[in-house]
Amino acid sequence: MGGVESQTLEHVCDKTKSTRHAILIDPADQTPDTAAKRAMAAVAAGSKMILVGGSSDTDMDNVNNTVVAIQEALELVTWASSQDSDFSEEKNWKVPVVLFPQGAAALSPAADAITFMMLMNSKSPRYLIEEQVAGSLFIKKAGISPLPMGYIICEPGGKAGEVGQADLIRPSETERISAYATTAEYYGFRIIYLEAGSGAQTPVSPDLIKAARESCNLTIVVGGGIRDGETAKAASDAGADWIITGNLTESFDNANTLQNVLTDFISKMND
């Protein structure tokens, strides 16, 4: 298990890469088959990680069924690419499928890794430590690689902020986000995730991202309210290592259309 752990964590924390894109699949909002098709389209467009989870309405069944469907689709196309000379040899279909859970009751042993996170600005001990304790032995037994993460919810916060009982970070609170980033580094986390909330009308402020970047050497993930490549580029320029999109992915039922949209998104993000 140690080798797999190291591979997944180092993939996520590799700072030699330009800003990378990942999609967030919510099992409560789509069937496993649809999730797999969207995941394939995203990887074909250049996404380098697939997150599976949501802030509500997920459970062991829909999470596991979704993870298994995505893993099987990736394995199939990986095998096909090794057999078919028409497939691009440069395309790497082996991207990690990572749990982004609402809690210990929404896990899957089929995942490669899990964002083992503390919701640092939650006012509830449930999201600071209790859900993590409840899920830890399952994660250990399943051999899922833990990705140590500080999770910080910023305004507007959305459902994630509501469910997580977060004391939201305002766009002007650069010193506060610096303190959280520094604390995350001192705790030994490898990653911090700055979240504006699923479907947020406004993304995390670039000023907050920049302040976090200047305060720590952790991998910075940013999500929520990012709907186009220009917004993603602003986050990238401010210091984000990963950009996560969820609602954008769910806006397209046609896999080819989604692939084209994400290809353009990723190109503009790194323009």
C-alpha atoms as a PDB file:
ATOM      1  CA  MET A   1       0.000   0.000   0.000  1.00  0.00           C
ATOM      2  CA  GLY A   2       2.875   2.368   0.747  1.00  0.00           C
ATOM      3  CA  GLY A   3       3.916   2.611  -2.898  1.00  0.00           C
ATOM      4  CA  VAL A   4       0.405   3.493  -4.028  1.00  0.00           C
ATOM      5  CA  GLU A   5       0.106   6.049  -1.219  1.00  0.00           C
ATOM      6  CA  SER A   6       3.331   7.705  -2.273  1.00  0.00           C
ATOM      7  CA  GLN A   7       2.395   7.754  -5.968  1.00  0.00           C
ATOM      8  CA  THR A   8      -1.001   9.376  -5.433  1.00  0.00           C
ATOM      9  CA  LEU A   9       0.167  11.934  -2.891  1.00  0.00           C
ATOM     10  CA  GLU A  10       3.206  12.896  -4.932  1.00  0.00           C
ATOM     11  CA  HIS A  11       1.045  13.179  -8.073  1.00  0.00           C
ATOM     12  CA  VAL A  12      -1.203  15.652  -6.284  1.00  0.00           C
ATOM     13  CA  CYS A  13       1.656  17.574  -4.660  1.00  0.00           C
ATOM     14  CA  ASP A  14       3.986  17.676  -7.684  1.00  0.00           C
ATOM     15  CA  LYS A  15       5.001  21.324  -7.961  1.00  0.00           C
ATOM     16  CA  THR A  16       6.956  20.876 -11.188  1.00  0.00           C
ATOM     17  CA  LYS A  17       3.682  20.996 -13.143  1.00  0.00           C
ATOM     18  CA  SER A  18       1.679  24.003 -14.260  1.00  0.00           C
ATOM     19  CA  THR A  19      -1.730  24.483 -12.657  1.00  0.00           C
ATOM     20  CA  ARG A  20      -3.804  21.348 -13.169  1.00  0.00           C
ATOM     21  CA  HIS A  21      -7.515  20.714 -13.460  1.00  0.00           C
ATOM     22  CA  ALA A  22      -9.701  18.154 -11.732  1.00  0.00           C
ATOM     23  CA  ILE A  23     -13.420  17.464 -11.884  1.00  0.00           C
ATOM     24  CA  LEU A  24     -15.717  16.829  -8.953  1.00  0.00           C
ATOM     25  CA  ILE A  25     -18.381  14.198  -9.548  1.00  0.00           C
ATOM     26  CA  ASP A  26     -21.361  14.248  -7.169  1.00  0.00           C
ATOM     27  CA  PRO A  27     -22.934  10.759  -7.082  1.00  0.00           C
ATOM     28  CA  ALA A  28     -26.234  12.239  -5.898  1.00  0.00           C
ATOM     29  CA  ASP A  29     -26.613  14.262  -9.111  1.00  0.00           C
ATOM     30  CA  GLN A  30     -25.931  11.653 -11.816  1.00  0.00           C
ATOM     31  CA  THR A  31     -25.983   7.938 -12.505  1.00  0.00           C
ATOM     32  CA  PRO A  32     -22.732   5.954 -12.318  1.00  0.00           C
ATOM     33  CA  ASP A  33     -22.811   5.519 -16.109  1.00  0.00           C
ATOM     34  CA  THR A  34     -23.173   9.250 -16.704  1.00  0.00           C
ATOM     35  CA  ALA A  35     -20.445   9.952 -14.149  1.00  0.00           C
ATOM     36  CA  ALA A  36     -18.080   7.572 -15.940  1.00  0.00           C
ATOM     37  CA  LYS A  37     -18.746   9.221 -19.314  1.00  0.00           C
ATOM     38  CA  ARG A  38     -18.134  12.671 -17.872  1.00  0.00           C
ATOM     39  CA  ALA A  39     -14.951  11.495 -16.173  1.00  0.00           C
ATOM     40  CA  MET A  40     -13.665  10.039 -19.431  1.00  0.00           C
ATOM     41  CA  ALA A  41     -14.421  13.268 -21.288  1.00  0.00           C
ATOM     42  CA  ALA A  42     -12.571  15.260 -18.626  1.00  0.00           C
ATOM     43  CA  VAL A  43      -9.475  13.062 -18.742  1.00  0.00           C
ATOM     44  CA  ALA A  44      -9.479  13.201 -22.532  1.00  0.00           C
ATOM     45  CA  ALA A  45      -9.547  17.008 -22.233  1.00  0.00           C
ATOM     46  CA  GLY A  46      -6.555  17.015 -19.897  1.00  0.00           C
ATOM     47  CA  SER A  47      -7.966  16.751 -16.361  1.00  0.00           C
ATOM     48  CA  LYS A  48      -5.460  15.080 -14.038  1.00  0.00           C
ATOM     49  CA  MET A  49      -7.658  13.931 -11.147  1.00  0.00           C
ATOM     50  CA  ILE A  50     -11.243  12.866 -10.523  1.00  0.00           C
ATOM     51  CA  LEU A  51     -12.854  13.712  -7.199  1.00  0.00           C
ATOM     52  CA  VAL A  52     -15.996  11.849  -6.136  1.00  0.00           C
ATOM     53  CA  GLY A  53     -18.237  13.185  -3.391  1.00  0.00           C
ATOM     54  CA  GLY A  54     -20.580  15.949  -2.309  1.00  0.00           C
ATOM     55  CA  SER A  55     -21.718  17.922   0.689  1.00  0.00           C
ATOM     56  CA  SER A  56     -25.091  16.121   0.992  1.00  0.00           C
ATOM     57  CA  ASP A  57     -27.178  13.157  -0.245  1.00  0.00           C
ATOM     58  CA  THR A  58     -24.263  10.783  -0.788  1.00  0.00           C
ATOM     59  CA  ASP A  59     -23.910   7.370   0.837  1.00  0.00           C
ATOM     60  CA  MET A  60     -21.833   4.212   0.604  1.00  0.00           C
ATOM     61  CA  ASP A  61     -23.927   2.801  -2.250  1.00  0.00           C
ATOM     62  CA  ASN A  62     -24.008   5.707  -4.682  1.00  0.00           C
ATOM     63  CA  VAL A  63     -20.401   6.677  -3.940  1.00  0.00           C
ATOM     64  CA  ASN A  64     -19.061   3.154  -4.400  1.00  0.00           C
ATOM     65  CA  ASN A  65     -21.120   2.500  -7.548  1.00  0.00           C
ATOM     66  CA  THR A  66     -19.849   5.741  -9.045  1.00  0.00           C
ATOM     67  CA  VAL A  67     -16.204   5.090  -8.170  1.00  0.00           C
ATOM     68  CA  VAL A  68     -16.369   1.545  -9.564  1.00  0.00           C
ATOM     69  CA  ALA A  69     -17.956   2.758 -12.819  1.00  0.00           C
ATOM     70  CA  ILE A  70     -15.250   5.394 -13.297  1.00  0.00           C
ATOM     71  CA  GLN A  71     -12.418   2.995 -12.454  1.00  0.00           C
ATOM     72  CA  GLU A  72     -13.761   0.378 -14.871  1.00  0.00           C
ATOM     73  CA  ALA A  73     -14.086   2.943 -17.668  1.00  0.00           C
ATOM     74  CA  LEU A  74     -10.532   4.189 -17.118  1.00  0.00           C
ATOM     75  CA  GLU A  75      -9.172   0.641 -17.021  1.00  0.00           C
ATOM     76  CA  LEU A  76     -10.985  -0.231 -20.238  1.00  0.00           C
ATOM     77  CA  VAL A  77      -9.680   2.751 -22.186  1.00  0.00           C
ATOM     78  CA  THR A  78      -6.168   2.219 -20.771  1.00  0.00           C
ATOM     79  CA  TRP A  79      -6.257  -1.348 -22.063  1.00  0.00           C
ATOM     80  CA  ALA A  80      -7.705  -0.239 -25.419  1.00  0.00           C
ATOM     81  CA  SER A  81      -5.006   2.393 -25.841  1.00  0.00           C
ATOM     82  CA  SER A  82      -2.354  -0.261 -25.358  1.00  0.00           C
ATOM     83  CA  GLN A  83      -3.909  -2.373 -28.121  1.00  0.00           C
ATOM     84  CA  ASP A  84      -4.848   0.305 -30.653  1.00  0.00           C
ATOM     85  CA  SER A  85      -2.192   2.278 -32.501  1.00  0.00           C
ATOM     86  CA  ASP A  86      -4.775   4.993 -33.276  1.00  0.00           C
ATOM     87  CA  PHE A  87      -4.823   6.000 -29.601  1.00  0.00           C
ATOM     88  CA  SER A  88      -2.385   8.755 -28.700  1.00  0.00           C
ATOM     89  CA  GLU A  89       0.630   7.315 -26.966  1.00  0.00           C
ATOM     90  CA  GLU A  90       1.014  10.570 -25.055  1.00  0.00           C
ATOM     91  CA  LYS A  91      -2.401  10.291 -23.391  1.00  0.00           C
ATOM     92  CA  ASN A  92      -2.179   9.078 -19.822  1.00  0.00           C
ATOM     93  CA  TRP A  93      -5.529   7.677 -18.740  1.00  0.00           C
ATOM     94  CA  LYS A  94      -4.224   6.577 -15.342  1.00  0.00           C
ATOM     95  CA  VAL A  95      -5.411   9.498 -13.247  1.00  0.00           C
ATOM     96  CA  PRO A  96      -6.314   8.982  -9.576  1.00  0.00           C
ATOM     97  CA  VAL A  97      -9.941   8.623  -8.520  1.00  0.00           C
ATOM     98  CA  VAL A  98     -10.095  10.376  -5.148  1.00  0.00           C
ATOM     99  CA  LEU A  99     -12.861  10.483  -2.549  1.00  0.00           C
ATOM    100  CA  PHE A 100     -14.033  13.936  -1.509  1.00  0.00           C
ATOM    101  CA  PRO A 101     -16.464  12.750   1.159  1.00  0.00           C
ATOM    102  CA  GLN A 102     -19.172  14.501   3.127  1.00  0.00           C
ATOM    103  CA  GLY A 103     -18.296  12.144   5.986  1.00  0.00           C
ATOM    104  CA  ALA A 104     -17.530   8.615   7.104  1.00  0.00           C
ATOM    105  CA  ALA A 105     -20.807   7.253   5.721  1.00  0.00           C
ATOM    106  CA  ALA A 106     -19.931   8.039   2.090  1.00  0.00           C
ATOM    107  CA  LEU A 107     -16.764   6.076   1.290  1.00  0.00           C
ATOM    108  CA  SER A 108     -15.656   3.457  -1.240  1.00  0.00           C
ATOM    109  CA  PRO A 109     -12.876   0.853  -1.049  1.00  0.00           C
ATOM    110  CA  ALA A 110     -12.451   1.151  -4.831  1.00  0.00           C
ATOM    111  CA  ALA A 111     -10.992   4.668  -4.664  1.00  0.00           C
ATOM    112  CA  ASP A 112      -7.273   5.305  -5.080  1.00  0.00           C
ATOM    113  CA  ALA A 113      -7.139   7.964  -2.389  1.00  0.00           C
ATOM    114  CA  ILE A 114      -9.181  10.170  -0.096  1.00  0.00           C
ATOM    115  CA  THR A 115      -8.913  13.818   0.831  1.00  0.00           C
ATOM    116  CA  PHE A 116      -8.397  13.186   4.547  1.00  0.00           C
ATOM    117  CA  MET A 117      -9.323  16.660   5.588  1.00  0.00           C
ATOM    118  CA  MET A 118     -10.018  18.860   8.551  1.00  0.00           C
ATOM    119  CA  LEU A 119     -12.647  21.535   7.888  1.00  0.00           C
ATOM    120  CA  MET A 120     -10.451  24.030   9.676  1.00  0.00           C
ATOM    121  CA  ASN A 121     -12.969  26.858  10.048  1.00  0.00           C
ATOM    122  CA  SER A 122     -15.910  24.694  11.110  1.00  0.00           C
ATOM    123  CA  LYS A 123     -17.615  25.539  14.386  1.00  0.00           C
ATOM    124  CA  SER A 124     -18.482  21.860  14.887  1.00  0.00           C
ATOM    125  CA  PRO A 125     -16.127  19.193  16.259  1.00  0.00           C
ATOM    126  CA  ARG A 126     -17.860  16.777  13.889  1.00  0.00           C
ATOM    127  CA  TYR A 127     -15.993  18.223  10.909  1.00  0.00           C
ATOM    128  CA  LEU A 128     -12.814  19.052  12.779  1.00  0.00           C
ATOM    129  CA  ILE A 129     -12.131  15.498  13.991  1.00  0.00           C
ATOM    130  CA  GLU A 130     -15.155  13.249  14.609  1.00  0.00           C
ATOM    131  CA  GLU A 131     -15.959  12.180  11.023  1.00  0.00           C
ATOM    132  CA  GLN A 132     -12.261  11.555  10.419  1.00  0.00           C
ATOM    133  CA  VAL A 133     -12.024   9.258  13.439  1.00  0.00           C
ATOM    134  CA  ALA A 134     -15.194   7.439  12.372  1.00  0.00           C
ATOM    135  CA  GLY A 135     -13.797   6.701   8.905  1.00  0.00           C
ATOM    136  CA  SER A 136     -10.126   6.102   9.667  1.00  0.00           C
ATOM    137  CA  LEU A 137     -10.217   2.337  10.209  1.00  0.00           C
ATOM    138  CA  PHE A 138     -12.305   1.775   7.068  1.00  0.00           C
ATOM    139  CA  ILE A 139      -9.761   3.771   5.087  1.00  0.00           C
ATOM    140  CA  LYS A 140      -6.854   1.834   6.594  1.00  0.00           C
ATOM    141  CA  LYS A 141      -8.458  -1.564   5.969  1.00  0.00           C
ATOM    142  CA  ALA A 142      -9.383  -0.674   2.388  1.00  0.00           C
ATOM    143  CA  GLY A 143      -5.852   0.517   1.642  1.00  0.00           C
ATOM    144  CA  ILE A 144      -7.025   3.918   0.413  1.00  0.00           C
ATOM    145  CA  SER A 145      -4.260   6.510   0.281  1.00  0.00           C
ATOM    146  CA  PRO A 146      -4.955   9.429   2.670  1.00  0.00           C
ATOM    147  CA  LEU A 147      -4.164  12.893   1.338  1.00  0.00           C
ATOM    148  CA  PRO A 148      -3.657  15.125   4.420  1.00  0.00           C
ATOM    149  CA  MET A 149      -5.631  18.294   3.728  1.00  0.00           C
ATOM    150  CA  GLY A 150      -6.746  21.459   5.433  1.00  0.00           C
ATOM    151  CA  TYR A 151     -10.153  22.432   4.050  1.00  0.00           C
ATOM    152  CA  ILE A 152     -11.129  26.097   4.366  1.00  0.00           C
ATOM    153  CA  ILE A 153     -14.495  27.460   3.249  1.00  0.00           C
ATOM    154  CA  CYS A 154     -14.649  31.032   2.012  1.00  0.00           C
ATOM    155  CA  GLU A 155     -17.604  33.270   1.210  1.00  0.00           C
ATOM    156  CA  PRO A 156     -20.177  32.679  -0.151  1.00  0.00           C
ATOM    157  CA  GLY A 157     -19.725  29.085   1.100  1.00  0.00           C
ATOM    158  CA  GLY A 158     -22.866  27.515  -0.349  1.00  0.00           C
ATOM    159  CA  LYS A 159     -24.091  24.132   0.806  1.00  0.00           C
ATOM    160  CA  ALA A 160     -20.619  23.115   1.967  1.00  0.00           C
ATOM    161  CA  GLY A 161     -20.436  26.065   4.330  1.00  0.00           C
ATOM    162  CA  GLU A 162     -23.944  25.445   5.614  1.00  0.00           C
ATOM    163  CA  VAL A 163     -23.512  21.718   6.201  1.00  0.00           C
ATOM    164  CA  GLY A 164     -20.015  22.159   7.600  1.00  0.00           C
ATOM    165  CA  GLN A 165     -21.080  24.968   9.948  1.00  0.00           C
ATOM    166  CA  ALA A 166     -18.196  27.046   8.685  1.00  0.00           C
ATOM    167  CA  ASP A 167     -17.162  30.458   9.964  1.00  0.00           C
ATOM    168  CA  LEU A 168     -16.679  31.742   6.425  1.00  0.00           C
ATOM    169  CA  ILE A 169     -13.564  33.625   5.326  1.00  0.00           C
ATOM    170  CA  ARG A 170     -14.446  36.984   3.752  1.00  0.00           C
ATOM    171  CA  PRO A 171     -12.572  38.171   0.618  1.00  0.00           C
ATOM    172  CA  SER A 172     -10.838  40.923   2.595  1.00  0.00           C
ATOM    173  CA  GLU A 173      -9.546  38.606   5.354  1.00  0.00           C
ATOM    174  CA  THR A 174      -6.103  37.975   3.901  1.00  0.00           C
ATOM    175  CA  GLU A 175      -4.381  37.870   7.283  1.00  0.00           C
ATOM    176  CA  ARG A 176      -6.890  35.307   8.521  1.00  0.00           C
ATOM    177  CA  ILE A 177      -6.347  33.012   5.516  1.00  0.00           C
ATOM    178  CA  SER A 178      -2.585  33.415   6.001  1.00  0.00           C
ATOM    179  CA  ALA A 179      -2.989  32.199   9.574  1.00  0.00           C
ATOM    180  CA  TYR A 180      -5.020  29.190   8.459  1.00  0.00           C
ATOM    181  CA  ALA A 181      -2.490  28.315   5.741  1.00  0.00           C
ATOM    182  CA  THR A 182       0.384  28.586   8.194  1.00  0.00           C
ATOM    183  CA  THR A 183      -1.495  26.450  10.717  1.00  0.00           C
ATOM    184  CA  ALA A 184      -2.186  23.804   8.076  1.00  0.00           C
ATOM    185  CA  GLU A 185       1.515  23.637   7.264  1.00  0.00           C
ATOM    186  CA  TYR A 186       2.448  23.410  10.944  1.00  0.00           C
ATOM    187  CA  TYR A 187      -0.042  20.563  11.415  1.00  0.00           C
ATOM    188  CA  GLY A 188       1.805  18.632   8.707  1.00  0.00           C
ATOM    189  CA  PHE A 189      -0.896  18.774   6.048  1.00  0.00           C
ATOM    190  CA  ARG A 190       0.351  18.581   2.461  1.00  0.00           C
ATOM    191  CA  ILE A 191      -2.600  20.303   0.823  1.00  0.00           C
ATOM    192  CA  ILE A 192      -5.022  23.126   1.516  1.00  0.00           C
ATOM    193  CA  TYR A 193      -8.330  23.458  -0.295  1.00  0.00           C
ATOM    194  CA  LEU A 194      -9.903  26.914  -0.568  1.00  0.00           C
ATOM    195  CA  GLU A 195     -13.618  26.380  -1.246  1.00  0.00           C
ATOM    196  CA  ALA A 196     -16.219  28.966  -2.255  1.00  0.00           C
ATOM    197  CA  GLY A 197     -19.029  26.394  -2.332  1.00  0.00           C
ATOM    198  CA  SER A 198     -20.579  24.342  -5.100  1.00  0.00           C
ATOM    199  CA  GLY A 199     -22.347  26.582  -7.599  1.00  0.00           C
ATOM    200  CA  ALA A 200     -21.110  29.739  -5.879  1.00  0.00           C
ATOM    201  CA  GLN A 201     -21.924  32.988  -7.655  1.00  0.00           C
ATOM    202  CA  THR A 202     -18.414  34.260  -6.928  1.00  0.00           C
ATOM    203  CA  PRO A 203     -15.177  32.238  -6.658  1.00  0.00           C
ATOM    204  CA  VAL A 204     -12.526  32.430  -3.962  1.00  0.00           C
ATOM    205  CA  SER A 205     -10.915  35.866  -4.094  1.00  0.00           C
ATOM    206  CA  PRO A 206      -7.511  35.900  -5.837  1.00  0.00           C
ATOM    207  CA  ASP A 207      -6.313  38.030  -2.906  1.00  0.00           C
ATOM    208  CA  LEU A 208      -7.037  35.139  -0.525  1.00  0.00           C
ATOM    209  CA  ILE A 209      -5.285  32.649  -2.814  1.00  0.00           C
ATOM    210  CA  LYS A 210      -2.241  34.927  -3.062  1.00  0.00           C
ATOM    211  CA  ALA A 211      -2.118  35.392   0.702  1.00  0.00           C
ATOM    212  CA  ALA A 212      -2.276  31.637   1.246  1.00  0.00           C
ATOM    213  CA  ARG A 213       0.427  31.080  -1.378  1.00  0.00           C
ATOM    214  CA  GLU A 214       2.752  33.551   0.280  1.00  0.00           C
ATOM    215  CA  SER A 215       2.178  31.999   3.713  1.00  0.00           C
ATOM    216  CA  CYS A 216       2.927  28.329   3.044  1.00  0.00           C
ATOM    217  CA  ASN A 217       4.578  25.858   0.724  1.00  0.00           C
ATOM    218  CA  LEU A 218       1.587  23.542   0.534  1.00  0.00           C
ATOM    219  CA  THR A 219      -0.263  22.437  -2.581  1.00  0.00           C
ATOM    220  CA  ILE A 220      -3.204  24.831  -3.001  1.00  0.00           C
ATOM    221  CA  VAL A 221      -6.488  23.534  -4.422  1.00  0.00           C
ATOM    222  CA  VAL A 222      -9.239  26.023  -5.312  1.00  0.00           C
ATOM    223  CA  GLY A 223     -12.864  25.252  -6.122  1.00  0.00           C
ATOM    224  CA  GLY A 224     -16.341  26.728  -6.244  1.00  0.00           C
ATOM    225  CA  GLY A 225     -17.762  29.283  -8.667  1.00  0.00           C
ATOM    226  CA  ILE A 226     -15.133  28.759 -11.381  1.00  0.00           C
ATOM    227  CA  ARG A 227     -17.035  28.465 -14.664  1.00  0.00           C
ATOM    228  CA  ASP A 228     -14.544  29.552 -17.324  1.00  0.00           C
ATOM    229  CA  GLY A 229     -10.891  29.458 -18.189  1.00  0.00           C
ATOM    230  CA  GLU A 230     -10.341  33.152 -17.534  1.00  0.00           C
ATOM    231  CA  THR A 231     -11.512  32.830 -13.920  1.00  0.00           C
ATOM    232  CA  ALA A 232      -9.372  29.725 -13.546  1.00  0.00           C
ATOM    233  CA  LYS A 233      -6.354  31.614 -14.893  1.00  0.00           C
ATOM    234  CA  ALA A 234      -6.863  34.369 -12.314  1.00  0.00           C
ATOM    235  CA  ALA A 235      -6.779  31.723  -9.574  1.00  0.00           C
ATOM    236  CA  SER A 236      -3.748  30.083 -11.178  1.00  0.00           C
ATOM    237  CA  ASP A 237      -1.900  33.400 -11.418  1.00  0.00           C
ATOM    238  CA  ALA A 238      -2.664  34.017  -7.730  1.00  0.00           C
ATOM    239  CA  GLY A 239      -0.996  30.733  -6.771  1.00  0.00           C
ATOM    240  CA  ALA A 240      -3.459  27.841  -7.172  1.00  0.00           C
ATOM    241  CA  ASP A 241      -1.889  24.486  -8.030  1.00  0.00           C
ATOM    242  CA  TRP A 242      -5.220  22.788  -8.800  1.00  0.00           C
ATOM    243  CA  ILE A 243      -8.557  24.106 -10.059  1.00  0.00           C
ATOM    244  CA  ILE A 244     -11.675  22.051  -9.362  1.00  0.00           C
ATOM    245  CA  THR A 245     -14.912  22.288 -11.327  1.00  0.00           C
ATOM    246  CA  GLY A 246     -18.130  20.463 -10.500  1.00  0.00           C
ATOM    247  CA  ASN A 247     -21.270  22.235 -11.666  1.00  0.00           C
ATOM    248  CA  LEU A 248     -19.632  23.091 -14.987  1.00  0.00           C
ATOM    249  CA  THR A 249     -19.129  19.385 -15.676  1.00  0.00           C
ATOM    250  CA  GLU A 250     -22.760  18.601 -14.882  1.00  0.00           C
ATOM    251  CA  SER A 251     -23.967  21.236 -17.354  1.00  0.00           C
ATOM    252  CA  PHE A 252     -23.219  19.002 -20.355  1.00  0.00           C
ATOM    253  CA  ASP A 253     -24.877  15.670 -21.065  1.00  0.00           C
ATOM    254  CA  ASN A 254     -23.002  15.140 -24.309  1.00  0.00           C
ATOM    255  CA  ALA A 255     -19.507  13.799 -23.591  1.00  0.00           C
ATOM    256  CA  ASN A 256     -17.965  15.258 -26.750  1.00  0.00           C
ATOM    257  CA  THR A 257     -19.309  18.710 -25.965  1.00  0.00           C
ATOM    258  CA  LEU A 258     -17.999  18.452 -22.407  1.00  0.00           C
ATOM    259  CA  GLN A 259     -14.583  17.371 -23.656  1.00  0.00           C
ATOM    260  CA  ASN A 260     -14.398  20.369 -25.986  1.00  0.00           C
ATOM    261  CA  VAL A 261     -15.497  22.783 -23.257  1.00  0.00           C
ATOM    262  CA  LEU A 262     -12.937  21.437 -20.783  1.00  0.00           C
ATOM    263  CA  THR A 263     -10.165  21.401 -23.388  1.00  0.00           C
ATOM    264  CA  ASP A 264     -10.784  25.109 -23.989  1.00  0.00           C
ATOM    265  CA  PHE A 265     -11.086  25.740 -20.222  1.00  0.00           C
ATOM    266  CA  ILE A 266      -7.733  24.094 -19.446  1.00  0.00           C
ATOM    267  CA  SER A 267      -6.018  25.835 -22.375  1.00  0.00           C
ATOM    268  CA  LYS A 268      -7.163  29.271 -21.191  1.00  0.00           C
ATOM    269  CA  MET A 269      -6.309  28.427 -17.580  1.00  0.00           C
ATOM    270  CA  ASN A 270      -2.675  27.892 -18.542  1.00  0.00           C
ATOM    271  CA  ASP A 271      -2.496  30.475 -21.305  1.00  0.00           C
END
